[in-house]
PDB file of N, CA and C in Angstrom:
ATOM      1  N   UNK A   1      98.601  55.826 161.292  1.00  0.00           N
ATOM      2  CA  UNK A   1      98.925  57.120 160.764  1.00  0.00           C
ATOM      3  C   UNK A   1      99.518  57.032 159.378  1.00  0.00           C
ATOM      4  N   UNK A   2      99.225  57.899 158.644  1.00  0.00           N
ATOM      5  CA  UNK A   2      99.863  57.956 157.297  1.00  0.00           C
ATOM      6  C   UNK A   2      98.888  58.020 156.112  1.00  0.00           C
ATOM      7  N   UNK A   3      99.288  57.386 154.974  1.00  0.00           N
ATOM      8  CA  UNK A   3      98.410  57.522 153.942  1.00  0.00           C
ATOM      9  C   UNK A   3      97.496  56.319 153.745  1.00  0.00           C
ATOM     10  N   UNK A   4      96.272  56.428 153.410  1.00  0.00           N
ATOM     11  CA  UNK A   4      95.381  55.508 153.186  1.00  0.00           C
ATOM     12  C   UNK A   4      95.044  55.454 151.611  1.00  0.00           C
ATOM     13  N   UNK A   5      95.071  54.231 151.011  1.00  0.00           N
ATOM     14  CA  UNK A   5      94.679  54.198 149.634  1.00  0.00           C
ATOM     15  C   UNK A   5      93.184  54.504 149.366  1.00  0.00           C
ATOM     16  N   UNK A   6      93.052  55.335 148.404  1.00  0.00           N
ATOM     17  CA  UNK A   6      91.731  55.624 147.968  1.00  0.00           C
ATOM     18  C   UNK A   6      91.744  55.616 146.374  1.00  0.00           C
ATOM     19  N   UNK A   7      91.218  54.590 145.864  1.00  0.00           N
ATOM     20  CA  UNK A   7      91.210  54.367 144.336  1.00  0.00           C
ATOM     21  C   UNK A   7      92.701  54.495 143.793  1.00  0.00           C
ATOM     22  N   UNK A   8      93.583  53.852 144.627  1.00  0.00           N
ATOM     23  CA  UNK A   8      95.043  53.893 144.181  1.00  0.00           C
ATOM     24  C   UNK A   8      95.800  55.286 144.342  1.00  0.00           C
ATOM     25  N   UNK A   9      95.184  56.166 144.959  1.00  0.00           N
ATOM     26  CA  UNK A   9      95.853  57.502 145.206  1.00  0.00           C
ATOM     27  C   UNK A   9      95.968  57.731 146.615  1.00  0.00           C
ATOM     28  N   UNK A  10      97.202  58.065 147.183  1.00  0.00           N
ATOM     29  CA  UNK A  10      97.467  58.388 148.606  1.00  0.00           C
ATOM     30  C   UNK A  10      96.794  59.763 149.023  1.00  0.00           C
ATOM     31  N   UNK A  11      96.198  59.751 150.153  1.00  0.00           N
ATOM     32  CA  UNK A  11      95.589  60.903 150.648  1.00  0.00           C
ATOM     33  C   UNK A  11      96.135  61.256 151.873  1.00  0.00           C
ATOM     34  N   UNK A  12      96.201  62.557 152.187  1.00  0.00           N
ATOM     35  CA  UNK A  12      96.739  62.970 153.596  1.00  0.00           C
ATOM     36  C   UNK A  12      95.642  63.063 154.631  1.00  0.00           C
ATOM     37  N   UNK A  13      95.661  62.466 155.664  1.00  0.00           N
ATOM     38  CA  UNK A  13      94.622  62.539 156.663  1.00  0.00           C
ATOM     39  C   UNK A  13      95.083  63.531 157.789  1.00  0.00           C
ATOM     40  N   UNK A  14      94.180  64.003 158.728  1.00  0.00           N
ATOM     41  CA  UNK A  14      94.523  64.847 159.776  1.00  0.00           C
ATOM     42  C   UNK A  14      95.442  64.213 160.737  1.00  0.00           C
ATOM     43  N   UNK A  15      95.720  62.971 160.645  1.00  0.00           N
ATOM     44  CA  UNK A  15      96.577  62.269 161.489  1.00  0.00           C
ATOM     45  C   UNK A  15      98.071  62.284 160.896  1.00  0.00           C
ATOM     46  N   UNK A  16      98.226  62.588 159.810  1.00  0.00           N
ATOM     47  CA  UNK A  16      99.474  62.549 159.089  1.00  0.00           C
ATOM     48  C   UNK A  16     100.366  63.821 159.599  1.00  0.00           C
ATOM     49  N   UNK A  17     101.572  63.388 160.024  1.00  0.00           N
ATOM     50  CA  UNK A  17     102.449  64.450 160.589  1.00  0.00           C
ATOM     51  C   UNK A  17     103.731  64.439 159.944  1.00  0.00           C
ATOM     52  N   UNK A  18     104.272  65.407 159.490  1.00  0.00           N
ATOM     53  CA  UNK A  18     105.642  65.723 159.003  1.00  0.00           C
ATOM     54  C   UNK A  18     106.488  66.571 159.859  1.00  0.00           C
ATOM     55  N   UNK A  19     107.635  66.110 160.090  1.00  0.00           N
ATOM     56  CA  UNK A  19     108.555  66.971 160.832  1.00  0.00           C
ATOM     57  C   UNK A  19     108.914  68.051 159.946  1.00  0.00           C
ATOM     58  N   UNK A  20     108.802  69.214 160.270  1.00  0.00           N
ATOM     59  CA  UNK A  20     109.320  70.441 159.460  1.00  0.00           C
ATOM     60  C   UNK A  20     110.584  70.949 159.988  1.00  0.00           C
ATOM     61  N   UNK A  21     111.575  71.237 159.170  1.00  0.00           N
ATOM     62  CA  UNK A  21     112.794  71.817 159.564  1.00  0.00           C
ATOM     63  C   UNK A  21     112.542  73.265 160.197  1.00  0.00           C
ATOM     64  N   UNK A  22     113.443  73.764 161.068  1.00  0.00           N
ATOM     65  CA  UNK A  22     113.214  74.942 161.599  1.00  0.00           C
ATOM     66  C   UNK A  22     113.436  76.087 160.426  1.00  0.00           C
ATOM     67  N   UNK A  23     112.617  77.044 160.415  1.00  0.00           N
ATOM     68  CA  UNK A  23     112.690  78.122 159.330  1.00  0.00           C
ATOM     69  C   UNK A  23     113.334  79.326 159.889  1.00  0.00           C
ATOM     70  N   UNK A  24     114.252  79.873 159.248  1.00  0.00           N
ATOM     71  CA  UNK A  24     115.069  81.067 159.803  1.00  0.00           C
ATOM     72  C   UNK A  24     113.921  82.144 159.760  1.00  0.00           C
ATOM     73  N   UNK A  25     114.179  83.183 160.673  1.00  0.00           N
ATOM     74  CA  UNK A  25     113.168  84.276 160.802  1.00  0.00           C
ATOM     75  C   UNK A  25     113.226  85.092 159.373  1.00  0.00           C
ATOM     76  N   UNK A  26     111.908  85.269 158.846  1.00  0.00           N
ATOM     77  CA  UNK A  26     111.911  85.967 157.551  1.00  0.00           C
ATOM     78  C   UNK A  26     112.107  85.135 156.312  1.00  0.00           C
ATOM     79  N   UNK A  27     112.179  83.766 156.640  1.00  0.00           N
ATOM     80  CA  UNK A  27     112.367  82.971 155.511  1.00  0.00           C
ATOM     81  C   UNK A  27     111.166  81.921 155.476  1.00  0.00           C
ATOM     82  N   UNK A  28     110.566  81.742 154.305  1.00  0.00           N
ATOM     83  CA  UNK A  28     109.414  80.958 154.337  1.00  0.00           C
ATOM     84  C   UNK A  28     109.725  79.328 154.070  1.00  0.00           C
ATOM     85  N   UNK A  29     110.885  79.096 153.325  1.00  0.00           N
ATOM     86  CA  UNK A  29     111.075  77.656 153.027  1.00  0.00           C
ATOM     87  C   UNK A  29     112.229  77.629 152.206  1.00  0.00           C
ATOM     88  N   UNK A  30     112.480  76.407 151.579  1.00  0.00           N
ATOM     89  CA  UNK A  30     113.578  76.294 150.777  1.00  0.00           C
ATOM     90  C   UNK A  30     113.393  75.685 149.325  1.00  0.00           C
ATOM     91  N   UNK A  31     114.497  75.204 148.665  1.00  0.00           N
ATOM     92  CA  UNK A  31     114.284  74.753 147.387  1.00  0.00           C
ATOM     93  C   UNK A  31     114.172  73.279 147.452  1.00  0.00           C
ATOM     94  N   UNK A  32     113.294  72.706 146.705  1.00  0.00           N
ATOM     95  CA  UNK A  32     113.023  71.320 146.656  1.00  0.00           C
ATOM     96  C   UNK A  32     114.199  70.504 145.991  1.00  0.00           C
ATOM     97  N   UNK A  33     114.655  69.339 146.783  1.00  0.00           N
ATOM     98  CA  UNK A  33     115.755  68.569 146.330  1.00  0.00           C
ATOM     99  C   UNK A  33     115.217  67.307 145.899  1.00  0.00           C
ATOM    100  N   UNK A  34     114.335  66.587 146.668  1.00  0.00           N
ATOM    101  CA  UNK A  34     113.797  65.280 146.386  1.00  0.00           C
ATOM    102  C   UNK A  34     112.259  65.270 146.742  1.00  0.00           C
ATOM    103  N   UNK A  35     111.561  64.508 145.924  1.00  0.00           N
ATOM    104  CA  UNK A  35     110.177  64.243 146.138  1.00  0.00           C
ATOM    105  C   UNK A  35     109.846  62.712 146.070  1.00  0.00           C
ATOM    106  N   UNK A  36     108.749  62.425 146.703  1.00  0.00           N
ATOM    107  CA  UNK A  36     108.243  60.950 146.520  1.00  0.00           C
ATOM    108  C   UNK A  36     106.881  61.063 145.882  1.00  0.00           C
ATOM    109  N   UNK A  37     106.628  60.107 144.845  1.00  0.00           N
ATOM    110  CA  UNK A  37     105.332  60.152 144.167  1.00  0.00           C
ATOM    111  C   UNK A  37     104.377  59.442 145.008  1.00  0.00           C
ATOM    112  N   UNK A  38     103.182  60.246 145.215  1.00  0.00           N
ATOM    113  CA  UNK A  38     102.226  59.681 146.098  1.00  0.00           C
ATOM    114  C   UNK A  38     101.048  59.052 145.165  1.00  0.00           C
ATOM    115  N   UNK A  39     100.817  59.762 144.053  1.00  0.00           N
ATOM    116  CA  UNK A  39      99.896  59.148 142.983  1.00  0.00           C
ATOM    117  C   UNK A  39     100.313  59.459 141.709  1.00  0.00           C
ATOM    118  N   UNK A  40     100.121  58.477 140.620  1.00  0.00           N
ATOM    119  CA  UNK A  40     100.636  58.751 139.357  1.00  0.00           C
ATOM    120  C   UNK A  40      99.635  59.532 138.376  1.00  0.00           C
ATOM    121  N   UNK A  41      98.406  59.785 138.881  1.00  0.00           N
ATOM    122  CA  UNK A  41      97.484  60.453 138.044  1.00  0.00           C
ATOM    123  C   UNK A  41      97.046  59.716 136.832  1.00  0.00           C
ATOM    124  N   UNK A  42      96.313  60.402 135.991  1.00  0.00           N
ATOM    125  CA  UNK A  42      95.926  59.769 134.719  1.00  0.00           C
ATOM    126  C   UNK A  42      95.880  60.880 133.646  1.00  0.00           C
ATOM    127  N   UNK A  43      96.061  60.452 132.415  1.00  0.00           N
ATOM    128  CA  UNK A  43      96.085  61.415 131.359  1.00  0.00           C
ATOM    129  C   UNK A  43      97.368  62.185 131.279  1.00  0.00           C
ATOM    130  N   UNK A  44      98.450  61.692 131.951  1.00  0.00           N
ATOM    131  CA  UNK A  44      99.742  62.472 132.050  1.00  0.00           C
ATOM    132  C   UNK A  44     100.528  62.379 130.704  1.00  0.00           C
ATOM    133  N   UNK A  45     101.425  63.268 130.486  1.00  0.00           N
ATOM    134  CA  UNK A  45     102.415  63.209 129.372  1.00  0.00           C
ATOM    135  C   UNK A  45     103.792  63.468 129.993  1.00  0.00           C
ATOM    136  N   UNK A  46     104.823  62.713 129.346  1.00  0.00           N
ATOM    137  CA  UNK A  46     106.147  62.817 129.806  1.00  0.00           C
ATOM    138  C   UNK A  46     106.596  64.105 129.481  1.00  0.00           C
ATOM    139  N   UNK A  47     107.647  64.580 130.206  1.00  0.00           N
ATOM    140  CA  UNK A  47     108.379  65.875 130.062  1.00  0.00           C
ATOM    141  C   UNK A  47     108.568  66.608 131.344  1.00  0.00           C
ATOM    142  N   UNK A  48     108.959  67.866 131.237  1.00  0.00           N
ATOM    143  CA  UNK A  48     109.275  68.755 132.334  1.00  0.00           C
ATOM    144  C   UNK A  48     107.937  69.576 132.569  1.00  0.00           C
ATOM    145  N   UNK A  49     107.294  69.474 133.768  1.00  0.00           N
ATOM    146  CA  UNK A  49     106.047  70.033 134.088  1.00  0.00           C
ATOM    147  C   UNK A  49     106.120  70.885 135.310  1.00  0.00           C
ATOM    148  N   UNK A  50     105.507  71.997 135.220  1.00  0.00           N
ATOM    149  CA  UNK A  50     105.245  72.863 136.443  1.00  0.00           C
ATOM    150  C   UNK A  50     104.384  72.110 137.444  1.00  0.00           C
ATOM    151  N   UNK A  51     104.651  72.554 138.678  1.00  0.00           N
ATOM    152  CA  UNK A  51     103.807  71.976 139.711  1.00  0.00           C
ATOM    153  C   UNK A  51     103.132  73.014 140.501  1.00  0.00           C
ATOM    154  N   UNK A  52     101.997  72.716 141.170  1.00  0.00           N
ATOM    155  CA  UNK A  52     101.334  73.577 142.045  1.00  0.00           C
ATOM    156  C   UNK A  52     101.568  72.978 143.421  1.00  0.00           C
ATOM    157  N   UNK A  53     101.674  73.888 144.516  1.00  0.00           N
ATOM    158  CA  UNK A  53     101.969  73.445 145.804  1.00  0.00           C
ATOM    159  C   UNK A  53     100.523  73.621 146.521  1.00  0.00           C
ATOM    160  N   UNK A  54      99.970  72.372 146.833  1.00  0.00           N
ATOM    161  CA  UNK A  54      98.718  72.151 147.607  1.00  0.00           C
ATOM    162  C   UNK A  54      98.757  72.955 148.912  1.00  0.00           C
ATOM    163  N   UNK A  55      99.901  73.126 149.458  1.00  0.00           N
ATOM    164  CA  UNK A  55      99.944  73.815 150.761  1.00  0.00           C
ATOM    165  C   UNK A  55     100.132  75.354 150.628  1.00  0.00           C
ATOM    166  N   UNK A  56     100.411  75.699 149.454  1.00  0.00           N
ATOM    167  CA  UNK A  56     100.509  77.259 149.180  1.00  0.00           C
ATOM    168  C   UNK A  56     101.797  77.856 149.756  1.00  0.00           C
ATOM    169  N   UNK A  57     102.921  77.026 149.846  1.00  0.00           N
ATOM    170  CA  UNK A  57     104.151  77.597 150.548  1.00  0.00           C
ATOM    171  C   UNK A  57     104.983  78.005 149.528  1.00  0.00           C
ATOM    172  N   UNK A  58     105.370  77.197 148.426  1.00  0.00           N
ATOM    173  CA  UNK A  58     106.459  77.512 147.499  1.00  0.00           C
ATOM    174  C   UNK A  58     105.988  77.765 146.132  1.00  0.00           C
ATOM    175  N   UNK A  59     106.932  78.226 145.220  1.00  0.00           N
ATOM    176  CA  UNK A  59     106.668  78.307 143.785  1.00  0.00           C
ATOM    177  C   UNK A  59     107.785  78.083 143.049  1.00  0.00           C
ATOM    178  N   UNK A  60     107.586  77.791 141.838  1.00  0.00           N
ATOM    179  CA  UNK A  60     108.793  77.537 140.835  1.00  0.00           C
ATOM    180  C   UNK A  60     109.234  76.191 140.632  1.00  0.00           C
ATOM    181  N   UNK A  61     108.735  75.221 141.359  1.00  0.00           N
ATOM    182  CA  UNK A  61     109.317  73.814 141.291  1.00  0.00           C
ATOM    183  C   UNK A  61     108.838  73.082 139.994  1.00  0.00           C
ATOM    184  N   UNK A  62     109.642  72.568 139.171  1.00  0.00           N
ATOM    185  CA  UNK A  62     109.287  71.812 138.078  1.00  0.00           C
ATOM    186  C   UNK A  62     109.823  70.520 138.158  1.00  0.00           C
ATOM    187  N   UNK A  63     109.087  69.421 137.730  1.00  0.00           N
ATOM    188  CA  UNK A  63     109.510  67.982 137.778  1.00  0.00           C
ATOM    189  C   UNK A  63     109.678  67.574 136.249  1.00  0.00           C
ATOM    190  N   UNK A  64     110.545  66.715 136.011  1.00  0.00           N
ATOM    191  CA  UNK A  64     110.707  65.960 134.835  1.00  0.00           C
ATOM    192  C   UNK A  64     110.138  64.539 134.963  1.00  0.00           C
ATOM    193  N   UNK A  65     109.141  64.155 134.270  1.00  0.00           N
ATOM    194  CA  UNK A  65     108.410  62.857 134.709  1.00  0.00           C
ATOM    195  C   UNK A  65     108.498  61.970 133.422  1.00  0.00           C
ATOM    196  N   UNK A  66     108.642  60.540 133.757  1.00  0.00           N
ATOM    197  CA  UNK A  66     108.480  59.575 132.825  1.00  0.00           C
ATOM    198  C   UNK A  66     107.045  58.910 133.031  1.00  0.00           C
ATOM    199  N   UNK A  67     106.327  58.552 131.893  1.00  0.00           N
ATOM    200  CA  UNK A  67     105.102  58.173 132.000  1.00  0.00           C
ATOM    201  C   UNK A  67     104.797  56.825 131.228  1.00  0.00           C
ATOM    202  N   UNK A  68     103.943  55.985 131.760  1.00  0.00           N
ATOM    203  CA  UNK A  68     103.602  54.759 131.116  1.00  0.00           C
ATOM    204  C   UNK A  68     102.098  54.648 131.066  1.00  0.00           C
ATOM    205  N   UNK A  69     101.518  54.420 129.960  1.00  0.00           N
ATOM    206  CA  UNK A  69     100.013  54.479 129.732  1.00  0.00           C
ATOM    207  C   UNK A  69      99.402  55.556 130.471  1.00  0.00           C
ATOM    208  N   UNK A  70      99.829  56.792 130.339  1.00  0.00           N
ATOM    209  CA  UNK A  70      99.259  57.923 130.891  1.00  0.00           C
ATOM    210  C   UNK A  70      99.381  58.249 132.487  1.00  0.00           C
ATOM    211  N   UNK A  71     100.209  57.250 132.999  1.00  0.00           N
ATOM    212  CA  UNK A  71     100.489  57.476 134.603  1.00  0.00           C
ATOM    213  C   UNK A  71     101.933  57.654 134.807  1.00  0.00           C
ATOM    214  N   UNK A  72     102.246  58.652 135.634  1.00  0.00           N
ATOM    215  CA  UNK A  72     103.702  59.097 136.155  1.00  0.00           C
ATOM    216  C   UNK A  72     104.192  57.810 136.660  1.00  0.00           C
ATOM    217  N   UNK A  73     105.391  57.328 136.170  1.00  0.00           N
ATOM    218  CA  UNK A  73     106.132  56.216 136.844  1.00  0.00           C
ATOM    219  C   UNK A  73     107.399  56.622 137.263  1.00  0.00           C
ATOM    220  N   UNK A  74     107.852  57.751 137.063  1.00  0.00           N
ATOM    221  CA  UNK A  74     109.215  58.197 137.517  1.00  0.00           C
ATOM    222  C   UNK A  74     109.275  59.826 137.537  1.00  0.00           C
ATOM    223  N   UNK A  75     110.066  60.220 138.430  1.00  0.00           N
ATOM    224  CA  UNK A  75     110.306  61.904 138.323  1.00  0.00           C
ATOM    225  C   UNK A  75     111.538  62.217 138.899  1.00  0.00           C
ATOM    226  N   UNK A  76     112.069  63.331 138.415  1.00  0.00           N
ATOM    227  CA  UNK A  76     113.312  63.922 138.897  1.00  0.00           C
ATOM    228  C   UNK A  76     112.940  65.337 139.098  1.00  0.00           C
ATOM    229  N   UNK A  77     113.617  66.164 140.027  1.00  0.00           N
ATOM    230  CA  UNK A  77     113.425  67.594 140.235  1.00  0.00           C
ATOM    231  C   UNK A  77     114.156  68.242 139.166  1.00  0.00           C
ATOM    232  N   UNK A  78     113.463  69.128 138.202  1.00  0.00           N
ATOM    233  CA  UNK A  78     114.264  69.849 137.229  1.00  0.00           C
ATOM    234  C   UNK A  78     114.760  71.172 137.751  1.00  0.00           C
ATOM    235  N   UNK A  79     113.699  71.815 138.490  1.00  0.00           N
ATOM    236  CA  UNK A  79     114.147  73.129 139.084  1.00  0.00           C
ATOM    237  C   UNK A  79     113.489  73.148 140.522  1.00  0.00           C
ATOM    238  N   UNK A  80     114.160  73.472 141.447  1.00  0.00           N
ATOM    239  CA  UNK A  80     113.602  73.390 142.871  1.00  0.00           C
ATOM    240  C   UNK A  80     112.768  74.394 143.305  1.00  0.00           C
ATOM    241  N   UNK A  81     112.712  75.650 142.645  1.00  0.00           N
ATOM    242  CA  UNK A  81     111.946  76.739 143.106  1.00  0.00           C
ATOM    243  C   UNK A  81     112.319  77.204 144.499  1.00  0.00           C
ATOM    244  N   UNK A  82     111.483  77.772 145.167  1.00  0.00           N
ATOM    245  CA  UNK A  82     111.786  78.422 146.488  1.00  0.00           C
ATOM    246  C   UNK A  82     110.590  78.440 147.475  1.00  0.00           C
ATOM    247  N   UNK A  83     110.649  78.393 148.638  1.00  0.00           N
ATOM    248  CA  UNK A  83     109.630  78.655 149.679  1.00  0.00           C
ATOM    249  C   UNK A  83     108.897  77.368 150.023  1.00  0.00           C
ATOM    250  N   UNK A  84     109.450  76.146 149.688  1.00  0.00           N
ATOM    251  CA  UNK A  84     108.865  74.807 150.009  1.00  0.00           C
ATOM    252  C   UNK A  84     109.290  74.295 151.354  1.00  0.00           C
ATOM    253  N   UNK A  85     108.408  73.586 151.940  1.00  0.00           N
ATOM    254  CA  UNK A  85     108.757  72.871 153.263  1.00  0.00           C
ATOM    255  C   UNK A  85     108.583  71.423 153.092  1.00  0.00           C
ATOM    256  N   UNK A  86     109.332  70.635 153.938  1.00  0.00           N
ATOM    257  CA  UNK A  86     109.232  69.222 153.849  1.00  0.00           C
ATOM    258  C   UNK A  86     107.776  68.882 154.221  1.00  0.00           C
ATOM    259  N   UNK A  87     107.200  67.956 153.451  1.00  0.00           N
ATOM    260  CA  UNK A  87     105.792  67.632 153.699  1.00  0.00           C
ATOM    261  C   UNK A  87     104.779  68.222 152.697  1.00  0.00           C
ATOM    262  N   UNK A  88     105.159  69.383 152.091  1.00  0.00           N
ATOM    263  CA  UNK A  88     104.321  70.049 150.991  1.00  0.00           C
ATOM    264  C   UNK A  88     104.020  68.967 150.089  1.00  0.00           C
ATOM    265  N   UNK A  89     102.852  69.052 149.488  1.00  0.00           N
ATOM    266  CA  UNK A  89     102.256  68.254 148.497  1.00  0.00           C
ATOM    267  C   UNK A  89     102.212  68.937 147.195  1.00  0.00           C
ATOM    268  N   UNK A  90     102.814  68.382 146.097  1.00  0.00           N
ATOM    269  CA  UNK A  90     102.844  69.105 144.928  1.00  0.00           C
ATOM    270  C   UNK A  90     102.042  68.314 143.865  1.00  0.00           C
ATOM    271  N   UNK A  91     101.411  69.146 142.961  1.00  0.00           N
ATOM    272  CA  UNK A  91     100.571  68.358 141.909  1.00  0.00           C
ATOM    273  C   UNK A  91     100.988  68.645 140.478  1.00  0.00           C
ATOM    274  N   UNK A  92     100.836  67.794 139.589  1.00  0.00           N
ATOM    275  CA  UNK A  92     101.015  68.073 138.178  1.00  0.00           C
ATOM    276  C   UNK A  92      99.759  67.633 137.430  1.00  0.00           C
ATOM    277  N   UNK A  93      99.265  68.725 136.710  1.00  0.00           N
ATOM    278  CA  UNK A  93      97.868  68.571 136.146  1.00  0.00           C
ATOM    279  C   UNK A  93      97.948  67.473 135.078  1.00  0.00           C
ATOM    280  N   UNK A  94      96.870  66.803 134.840  1.00  0.00           N
ATOM    281  CA  UNK A  94      96.550  65.856 133.836  1.00  0.00           C
ATOM    282  C   UNK A  94      95.054  65.574 133.881  1.00  0.00           C
ATOM    283  N   UNK A  95      94.586  64.461 133.449  1.00  0.00           N
ATOM    284  CA  UNK A  95      92.981  64.242 133.523  1.00  0.00           C
ATOM    285  C   UNK A  95      92.857  64.120 135.096  1.00  0.00           C
ATOM    286  N   UNK A  96      93.787  63.447 135.712  1.00  0.00           N
ATOM    287  CA  UNK A  96      93.725  63.567 137.186  1.00  0.00           C
ATOM    288  C   UNK A  96      95.122  63.834 137.538  1.00  0.00           C
ATOM    289  N   UNK A  97      95.348  64.763 138.527  1.00  0.00           N
ATOM    290  CA  UNK A  97      96.701  65.224 138.904  1.00  0.00           C
ATOM    291  C   UNK A  97      97.560  64.062 139.398  1.00  0.00           C
ATOM    292  N   UNK A  98      98.824  64.089 139.083  1.00  0.00           N
ATOM    293  CA  UNK A  98      99.836  63.349 139.713  1.00  0.00           C
ATOM    294  C   UNK A  98     100.317  64.051 140.935  1.00  0.00           C
ATOM    295  N   UNK A  99     100.464  63.314 142.084  1.00  0.00           N
ATOM    296  CA  UNK A  99     100.776  64.053 143.354  1.00  0.00           C
ATOM    297  C   UNK A  99     102.129  63.608 143.856  1.00  0.00           C
ATOM    298  N   UNK A 100     102.884  64.507 144.588  1.00  0.00           N
ATOM    299  CA  UNK A 100     104.142  64.193 145.046  1.00  0.00           C
ATOM    300  C   UNK A 100     104.436  64.889 146.300  1.00  0.00           C
ATOM    301  N   UNK A 101     105.107  64.230 147.407  1.00  0.00           N
ATOM    302  CA  UNK A 101     105.466  64.878 148.721  1.00  0.00           C
ATOM    303  C   UNK A 101     106.854  65.322 148.667  1.00  0.00           C
ATOM    304  N   UNK A 102     107.238  66.649 149.222  1.00  0.00           N
ATOM    305  CA  UNK A 102     108.398  67.162 149.330  1.00  0.00           C
ATOM    306  C   UNK A 102     109.163  66.386 150.475  1.00  0.00           C
ATOM    307  N   UNK A 103     110.267  65.621 150.085  1.00  0.00           N
ATOM    308  CA  UNK A 103     110.934  64.986 151.136  1.00  0.00           C
ATOM    309  C   UNK A 103     112.118  65.735 151.666  1.00  0.00           C
ATOM    310  N   UNK A 104     112.859  66.452 150.793  1.00  0.00           N
ATOM    311  CA  UNK A 104     114.010  67.091 151.227  1.00  0.00           C
ATOM    312  C   UNK A 104     114.070  68.520 150.573  1.00  0.00           C
ATOM    313  N   UNK A 105     114.537  69.591 151.265  1.00  0.00           N
ATOM    314  CA  UNK A 105     114.585  70.943 150.856  1.00  0.00           C
ATOM    315  C   UNK A 105     116.054  71.457 151.115  1.00  0.00           C
ATOM    316  N   UNK A 106     116.583  72.382 150.297  1.00  0.00           N
ATOM    317  CA  UNK A 106     117.782  72.917 150.553  1.00  0.00           C
ATOM    318  C   UNK A 106     117.696  74.454 150.951  1.00  0.00           C
ATOM    319  N   UNK A 107     118.356  74.904 151.862  1.00  0.00           N
ATOM    320  CA  UNK A 107     118.288  76.357 152.287  1.00  0.00           C
ATOM    321  C   UNK A 107     119.628  76.960 152.003  1.00  0.00           C
ATOM    322  N   UNK A 108     119.596  78.049 151.141  1.00  0.00           N
ATOM    323  CA  UNK A 108     120.774  78.887 150.857  1.00  0.00           C
ATOM    324  C   UNK A 108     120.713  80.361 151.492  1.00  0.00           C
ATOM    325  N   UNK A 109     121.711  80.848 151.871  1.00  0.00           N
ATOM    326  CA  UNK A 109     121.797  82.297 152.401  1.00  0.00           C
ATOM    327  C   UNK A 109     122.357  83.153 151.283  1.00  0.00           C
TER     328      UNK A 109
END
């Protein structure tokens, strides 16, 4: 179970399972706190970048990336956005997208 390397990029299989925190009624998700890099992509530039949520749960998360030779080598959450769930996969556009898994989210009332 888990990620299988394909040309150096992690892919999610149908066997991959992520425990999702309970969601309050009427609440879609939370604010991204931490992410894990799954693949560094190519053709990337360093800086603060908007992400897209491959699972279509959340919006507004931006990551500040460090890049070596066009590949993301480090990242921090600049803005957590809202509506994300643990296990969501985020992408940052480049020649090929850098991908990240949401590890923790914060819920506020």
